[in-house]
Amino acid sequence: MSTLIAPLQHGLEDILGEMVHARRTGDMGRLALLAYCEVRRWARQAGEPELADRSTELITRHPHASRDQFMEQIDVLIHDLEAVHTRVLGNPHAPL
């Protein structure tokens, strides 16, 4: 694994762990913070602009009609992060 990829991969694993835990406990404030600050920052560093835009949009561009709607969008974001993680694990030499 490249010395540049390793910190990004570990950062992604940390973010995923924190998001899954916050989702499981229903901590909406923590989820919003992670999505807006951590996911967006990580995605920009990793060269994933679409993921960065989605995490920004989730928090800033659309008011959520309900808690359930927000949680559904968080679930999609977690799924997207897991897909990036799977892609990196499947081909560690592929660009993030």
N, C-alpha and C. Protein backbone atom coordinates (compact mmCIF):
# COMPACT_ATOMS: atom_id res chain seq x y z
N MET A 1 0.84 -1.18 0.00
CA MET A 1 0.00 0.00 0.00
C MET A 1 0.89 1.23 0.00
N SER A 2 0.59 2.18 -0.81
CA SER A 2 1.35 3.41 -0.90
C SER A 2 1.31 4.17 0.43
N THR A 3 2.39 4.88 0.72
CA THR A 3 2.42 5.66 1.96
C THR A 3 1.43 6.81 1.91
N LEU A 4 1.00 7.21 0.72
CA LEU A 4 -0.01 8.26 0.61
C LEU A 4 -1.42 7.70 0.78
N ILE A 5 -1.63 6.47 0.34
CA ILE A 5 -2.96 5.88 0.42
C ILE A 5 -3.28 5.40 1.83
N ALA A 6 -2.30 4.90 2.55
CA ALA A 6 -2.54 4.35 3.88
C ALA A 6 -3.25 5.34 4.82
N PRO A 7 -2.78 6.58 4.96
CA PRO A 7 -3.49 7.51 5.86
C PRO A 7 -4.93 7.79 5.40
N LEU A 8 -5.14 7.87 4.09
CA LEU A 8 -6.49 8.10 3.59
C LEU A 8 -7.39 6.91 3.88
N GLN A 9 -6.85 5.70 3.71
CA GLN A 9 -7.64 4.50 3.98
C GLN A 9 -7.97 4.42 5.47
N HIS A 10 -7.01 4.68 6.32
CA HIS A 10 -7.26 4.63 7.76
C HIS A 10 -8.25 5.72 8.17
N GLY A 11 -8.12 6.89 7.56
CA GLY A 11 -9.08 7.96 7.84
C GLY A 11 -10.49 7.57 7.45
N LEU A 12 -10.62 6.93 6.29
CA LEU A 12 -11.93 6.47 5.83
C LEU A 12 -12.50 5.44 6.79
N GLU A 13 -11.67 4.51 7.23
CA GLU A 13 -12.14 3.48 8.17
C GLU A 13 -12.59 4.10 9.48
N ASP A 14 -11.86 5.11 9.95
CA ASP A 14 -12.26 5.81 11.18
C ASP A 14 -13.60 6.52 11.01
N ILE A 15 -13.75 7.22 9.90
CA ILE A 15 -15.00 7.93 9.64
C ILE A 15 -16.16 6.96 9.54
N LEU A 16 -15.96 5.87 8.81
CA LEU A 16 -17.02 4.87 8.68
C LEU A 16 -17.42 4.31 10.04
N GLY A 17 -16.44 3.99 10.86
CA GLY A 17 -16.74 3.46 12.20
C GLY A 17 -17.53 4.45 13.03
N GLU A 18 -17.12 5.70 12.99
CA GLU A 18 -17.83 6.72 13.76
C GLU A 18 -19.24 6.94 13.23
N MET A 19 -19.39 6.94 11.92
CA MET A 19 -20.73 7.15 11.34
C MET A 19 -21.66 5.99 11.66
N VAL A 20 -21.16 4.78 11.54
CA VAL A 20 -22.00 3.61 11.83
C VAL A 20 -22.42 3.62 13.30
N HIS A 21 -21.49 3.96 14.18
CA HIS A 21 -21.83 4.02 15.61
C HIS A 21 -22.88 5.11 15.88
N ALA A 22 -22.65 6.30 15.32
CA ALA A 22 -23.60 7.40 15.52
C ALA A 22 -24.96 7.06 14.93
N ARG A 23 -24.98 6.37 13.80
CA ARG A 23 -26.25 5.96 13.17
C ARG A 23 -26.97 4.96 14.05
N ARG A 24 -26.22 4.01 14.59
CA ARG A 24 -26.80 2.97 15.45
C ARG A 24 -27.42 3.58 16.71
N THR A 25 -26.77 4.61 17.25
CA THR A 25 -27.26 5.23 18.48
C THR A 25 -28.25 6.37 18.20
N GLY A 26 -28.42 6.72 16.92
CA GLY A 26 -29.38 7.77 16.56
C GLY A 26 -28.89 9.17 16.89
N ASP A 27 -27.60 9.37 16.95
CA ASP A 27 -27.02 10.66 17.29
C ASP A 27 -26.97 11.56 16.06
N MET A 28 -28.07 12.26 15.82
CA MET A 28 -28.19 13.09 14.62
C MET A 28 -27.17 14.23 14.58
N GLY A 29 -26.90 14.83 15.72
CA GLY A 29 -25.92 15.91 15.75
C GLY A 29 -24.54 15.42 15.35
N ARG A 30 -24.15 14.28 15.86
CA ARG A 30 -22.85 13.70 15.51
C ARG A 30 -22.81 13.34 14.03
N LEU A 31 -23.90 12.78 13.51
CA LEU A 31 -23.97 12.42 12.10
C LEU A 31 -23.83 13.66 11.22
N ALA A 32 -24.49 14.73 11.59
CA ALA A 32 -24.40 15.97 10.81
C ALA A 32 -22.97 16.51 10.83
N LEU A 33 -22.34 16.50 12.00
CA LEU A 33 -20.97 16.96 12.12
C LEU A 33 -20.03 16.10 11.27
N LEU A 34 -20.16 14.79 11.38
CA LEU A 34 -19.30 13.89 10.61
C LEU A 34 -19.50 14.07 9.12
N ALA A 35 -20.76 14.15 8.69
CA ALA A 35 -21.04 14.30 7.26
C ALA A 35 -20.48 15.61 6.72
N TYR A 36 -20.71 16.69 7.43
CA TYR A 36 -20.30 18.00 6.92
C TYR A 36 -18.81 18.24 7.05
N CYS A 37 -18.23 17.89 8.18
CA CYS A 37 -16.82 18.20 8.42
C CYS A 37 -15.88 17.07 7.99
N GLU A 38 -16.10 15.89 8.50
CA GLU A 38 -15.14 14.81 8.30
C GLU A 38 -15.25 14.17 6.92
N VAL A 39 -16.45 13.82 6.50
CA VAL A 39 -16.61 13.17 5.19
C VAL A 39 -16.20 14.14 4.09
N ARG A 40 -16.65 15.35 4.18
CA ARG A 40 -16.33 16.35 3.16
C ARG A 40 -14.81 16.57 3.06
N ARG A 41 -14.15 16.73 4.21
CA ARG A 41 -12.70 16.93 4.23
C ARG A 41 -11.98 15.72 3.64
N TRP A 42 -12.39 14.53 4.10
CA TRP A 42 -11.74 13.31 3.61
C TRP A 42 -11.94 13.16 2.10
N ALA A 43 -13.15 13.37 1.64
CA ALA A 43 -13.44 13.19 0.21
C ALA A 43 -12.64 14.16 -0.65
N ARG A 44 -12.46 15.36 -0.19
CA ARG A 44 -11.65 16.32 -0.95
C ARG A 44 -10.20 15.87 -1.01
N GLN A 45 -9.67 15.41 0.11
CA GLN A 45 -8.28 14.94 0.14
C GLN A 45 -8.09 13.72 -0.74
N ALA A 46 -9.10 12.86 -0.80
CA ALA A 46 -9.00 11.60 -1.54
C ALA A 46 -9.34 11.76 -3.01
N GLY A 47 -9.72 12.95 -3.43
CA GLY A 47 -10.07 13.15 -4.84
C GLY A 47 -11.42 12.58 -5.20
N GLU A 48 -12.35 12.67 -4.28
CA GLU A 48 -13.73 12.19 -4.48
C GLU A 48 -14.69 13.39 -4.42
N PRO A 49 -14.66 14.26 -5.44
CA PRO A 49 -15.47 15.49 -5.36
C PRO A 49 -16.98 15.25 -5.30
N GLU A 50 -17.47 14.19 -5.95
CA GLU A 50 -18.91 13.91 -5.91
C GLU A 50 -19.35 13.57 -4.48
N LEU A 51 -18.53 12.80 -3.79
CA LEU A 51 -18.84 12.44 -2.40
C LEU A 51 -18.78 13.68 -1.51
N ALA A 52 -17.81 14.54 -1.75
CA ALA A 52 -17.71 15.79 -0.98
C ALA A 52 -18.94 16.66 -1.22
N ASP A 53 -19.38 16.75 -2.47
CA ASP A 53 -20.58 17.55 -2.78
C ASP A 53 -21.83 16.96 -2.13
N ARG A 54 -21.96 15.64 -2.16
CA ARG A 54 -23.14 15.00 -1.53
C ARG A 54 -23.17 15.24 -0.03
N SER A 55 -22.01 15.17 0.62
CA SER A 55 -21.99 15.38 2.06
C SER A 55 -22.32 16.83 2.41
N THR A 56 -21.88 17.75 1.58
CA THR A 56 -22.20 19.17 1.78
C THR A 56 -23.69 19.40 1.58
N GLU A 57 -24.20 18.87 0.49
CA GLU A 57 -25.61 19.02 0.15
C GLU A 57 -26.52 18.46 1.25
N LEU A 58 -26.13 17.35 1.81
CA LEU A 58 -26.92 16.70 2.86
C LEU A 58 -27.19 17.64 4.02
N ILE A 59 -26.23 18.48 4.32
CA ILE A 59 -26.37 19.35 5.49
C ILE A 59 -26.82 20.76 5.12
N THR A 60 -26.35 21.31 4.02
CA THR A 60 -26.57 22.73 3.77
C THR A 60 -27.63 23.09 2.75
N ARG A 61 -27.94 22.23 1.81
CA ARG A 61 -28.78 22.68 0.69
C ARG A 61 -30.24 22.30 0.78
N HIS A 62 -30.57 21.32 1.56
CA HIS A 62 -31.96 20.88 1.60
C HIS A 62 -32.43 20.72 3.04
N PRO A 63 -33.48 21.44 3.41
CA PRO A 63 -34.05 21.16 4.73
C PRO A 63 -34.71 19.78 4.68
N HIS A 64 -34.61 19.07 5.75
CA HIS A 64 -35.18 17.72 5.80
C HIS A 64 -36.58 17.78 6.37
N ALA A 65 -37.48 17.08 5.70
CA ALA A 65 -38.88 17.08 6.12
C ALA A 65 -39.07 16.36 7.45
N SER A 66 -38.20 15.39 7.71
CA SER A 66 -38.35 14.61 8.94
C SER A 66 -37.01 14.01 9.35
N ARG A 67 -36.99 13.52 10.55
CA ARG A 67 -35.82 12.81 11.06
C ARG A 67 -35.55 11.58 10.20
N ASP A 68 -36.60 10.88 9.84
CA ASP A 68 -36.45 9.67 9.03
C ASP A 68 -35.82 9.98 7.67
N GLN A 69 -36.21 11.07 7.06
CA GLN A 69 -35.65 11.45 5.76
C GLN A 69 -34.15 11.74 5.90
N PHE A 70 -33.78 12.45 6.96
CA PHE A 70 -32.37 12.73 7.21
C PHE A 70 -31.59 11.42 7.39
N MET A 71 -32.14 10.51 8.19
CA MET A 71 -31.46 9.24 8.45
C MET A 71 -31.34 8.40 7.17
N GLU A 72 -32.34 8.46 6.31
CA GLU A 72 -32.25 7.73 5.04
C GLU A 72 -31.10 8.27 4.19
N GLN A 73 -30.94 9.58 4.18
CA GLN A 73 -29.86 10.18 3.40
C GLN A 73 -28.50 9.87 4.03
N ILE A 74 -28.45 9.79 5.35
CA ILE A 74 -27.22 9.37 6.04
C ILE A 74 -26.89 7.94 5.65
N ASP A 75 -27.91 7.08 5.58
CA ASP A 75 -27.68 5.69 5.18
C ASP A 75 -27.07 5.61 3.78
N VAL A 76 -27.54 6.46 2.87
CA VAL A 76 -26.99 6.50 1.51
C VAL A 76 -25.53 6.95 1.55
N LEU A 77 -25.24 7.96 2.36
CA LEU A 77 -23.87 8.44 2.49
C LEU A 77 -22.96 7.34 3.05
N ILE A 78 -23.42 6.63 4.06
CA ILE A 78 -22.63 5.51 4.61
C ILE A 78 -22.41 4.45 3.54
N HIS A 79 -23.44 4.16 2.79
CA HIS A 79 -23.31 3.17 1.70
C HIS A 79 -22.26 3.63 0.69
N ASP A 80 -22.27 4.91 0.32
CA ASP A 80 -21.29 5.44 -0.62
C ASP A 80 -19.87 5.33 -0.07
N LEU A 81 -19.71 5.62 1.22
CA LEU A 81 -18.40 5.49 1.84
C LEU A 81 -17.94 4.04 1.85
N GLU A 82 -18.85 3.13 2.12
CA GLU A 82 -18.51 1.70 2.11
C GLU A 82 -18.10 1.25 0.71
N ALA A 83 -18.76 1.79 -0.31
CA ALA A 83 -18.41 1.45 -1.69
C ALA A 83 -16.99 1.92 -2.02
N VAL A 84 -16.63 3.12 -1.60
CA VAL A 84 -15.27 3.62 -1.82
C VAL A 84 -14.28 2.73 -1.07
N HIS A 85 -14.62 2.36 0.15
CA HIS A 85 -13.73 1.50 0.95
C HIS A 85 -13.54 0.15 0.26
N THR A 86 -14.60 -0.44 -0.24
CA THR A 86 -14.51 -1.72 -0.94
C THR A 86 -13.65 -1.59 -2.19
N ARG A 87 -13.83 -0.50 -2.92
CA ARG A 87 -13.03 -0.27 -4.12
C ARG A 87 -11.54 -0.17 -3.79
N VAL A 88 -11.21 0.52 -2.72
CA VAL A 88 -9.82 0.67 -2.31
C VAL A 88 -9.24 -0.66 -1.85
N LEU A 89 -10.00 -1.43 -1.09
CA LEU A 89 -9.52 -2.73 -0.63
C LEU A 89 -9.36 -3.71 -1.76
N GLY A 90 -10.26 -3.64 -2.75
CA GLY A 90 -10.21 -4.56 -3.88
C GLY A 90 -9.02 -4.29 -4.78
N ASN A 91 -8.63 -3.04 -4.88
CA ASN A 91 -7.50 -2.67 -5.71
C ASN A 91 -6.71 -1.57 -5.00
N PRO A 92 -5.79 -1.95 -4.11
CA PRO A 92 -5.08 -0.94 -3.31
C PRO A 92 -4.25 0.04 -4.13
N HIS A 93 -3.99 -0.28 -5.41
CA HIS A 93 -3.21 0.62 -6.25
C HIS A 93 -4.09 1.58 -7.06
N ALA A 94 -5.40 1.38 -6.98
CA ALA A 94 -6.32 2.27 -7.70
C ALA A 94 -6.38 3.61 -6.99
N PRO A 95 -6.60 4.66 -7.73
CA PRO A 95 -6.74 5.97 -7.08
C PRO A 95 -8.00 5.97 -6.22
N LEU A 96 -7.92 6.67 -5.10
CA LEU A 96 -9.08 6.79 -4.24
C LEU A 96 -10.05 7.68 -4.94
